C-alpha atoms as a PDB file:
ATOM      1  CA  MET A   1     199.182  79.046  82.101  1.00  0.00           C
ATOM      2  CA  ILE A   2     200.960  82.382  80.896  1.00  0.00           C
ATOM      3  CA  LEU A   3     203.790  80.123  79.570  1.00  0.00           C
ATOM      4  CA  ASP A   4     201.471  78.138  77.470  1.00  0.00           C
ATOM      5  CA  THR A   5     199.832  81.064  75.968  1.00  0.00           C
ATOM      6  CA  GLY A   6     202.395  81.584  73.330  1.00  0.00           C
ATOM      7  CA  TYR A   7     200.962  79.977  70.235  1.00  0.00           C
ATOM      8  CA  TRP A   8     197.200  79.576  70.800  1.00  0.00           C
ATOM      9  CA  MET A   9     197.070  83.260  71.462  1.00  0.00           C
ATOM     10  CA  LEU A  10     197.910  83.928  67.806  1.00  0.00           C
ATOM     11  CA  ASP A  11     195.893  80.891  66.770  1.00  0.00           C
ATOM     12  CA  THR A  12     192.617  82.075  68.291  1.00  0.00           C
ATOM     13  CA  GLY A  13     191.259  85.727  67.754  1.00  0.00           C
ATOM     14  CA  TYR A  14     188.075  85.240  69.697  1.00  0.00           C
ATOM     15  CA  TRP A  15     189.652  84.470  73.151  1.00  0.00           C
ATOM     16  CA  ILE A  16     190.199  88.226  73.515  1.00  0.00           C
ATOM     17  CA  LEU A  17     186.475  88.568  73.858  1.00  0.00           C
ATOM     18  CA  ASP A  18     186.198  85.877  76.246  1.00  0.00           C
ATOM     19  CA  THR A  19     189.048  86.580  78.405  1.00  0.00           C
ATOM     20  CA  GLY A  20     187.012  85.985  81.539  1.00  0.00           C
ATOM     21  CA  TYR A  21     187.211  82.325  82.106  1.00  0.00           C
ATOM     22  CA  TRP A  22     190.426  81.072  80.404  1.00  0.00           C
ATOM     23  CA  MET A  23     192.276  83.489  82.716  1.00  0.00           C
ATOM     24  CA  LEU A  24     190.902  81.562  85.639  1.00  0.00           C
ATOM     25  CA  ASP A  25     190.626  78.014  83.970  1.00  0.00           C
ATOM     26  CA  SER A  26     193.651  78.245  81.733  1.00  0.00           C
ATOM     27  CA  GLY A  27     194.955  74.754  82.118  1.00  0.00           C
ATOM     28  CA  GLY A  28     195.870  73.853  78.683  1.00  0.00           C
ATOM     29  CA  LEU A  29     192.437  73.023  77.245  1.00  0.00           C
ATOM     30  CA  PRO A  30     191.813  76.675  75.864  1.00  0.00           C
ATOM     31  CA  ALA A  31     194.981  76.035  73.802  1.00  0.00           C
ATOM     32  CA  PHE A  32     193.092  73.390  71.685  1.00  0.00           C
ATOM     33  CA  GLY A  33     189.544  74.489  71.666  1.00  0.00           C
ATOM     34  CA  GLY A  34     189.465  77.991  73.070  1.00  0.00           C
ATOM     35  CA  SER A  35     186.495  77.166  75.424  1.00  0.00           C
ATOM     36  CA  ASP A  36     187.393  75.307  78.710  1.00  0.00           C
ATOM     37  CA  VAL A  37     183.674  75.264  79.617  1.00  0.00           C
END
């Protein structure tokens, strides 16, 4: 989770507004698309 959030954090600038689900569903998918829904 937090260990994987090293590059996509800089790659996506909108996840900051959606830090409500990725924090709970951060399994790696958000790193590619940003939306784990």
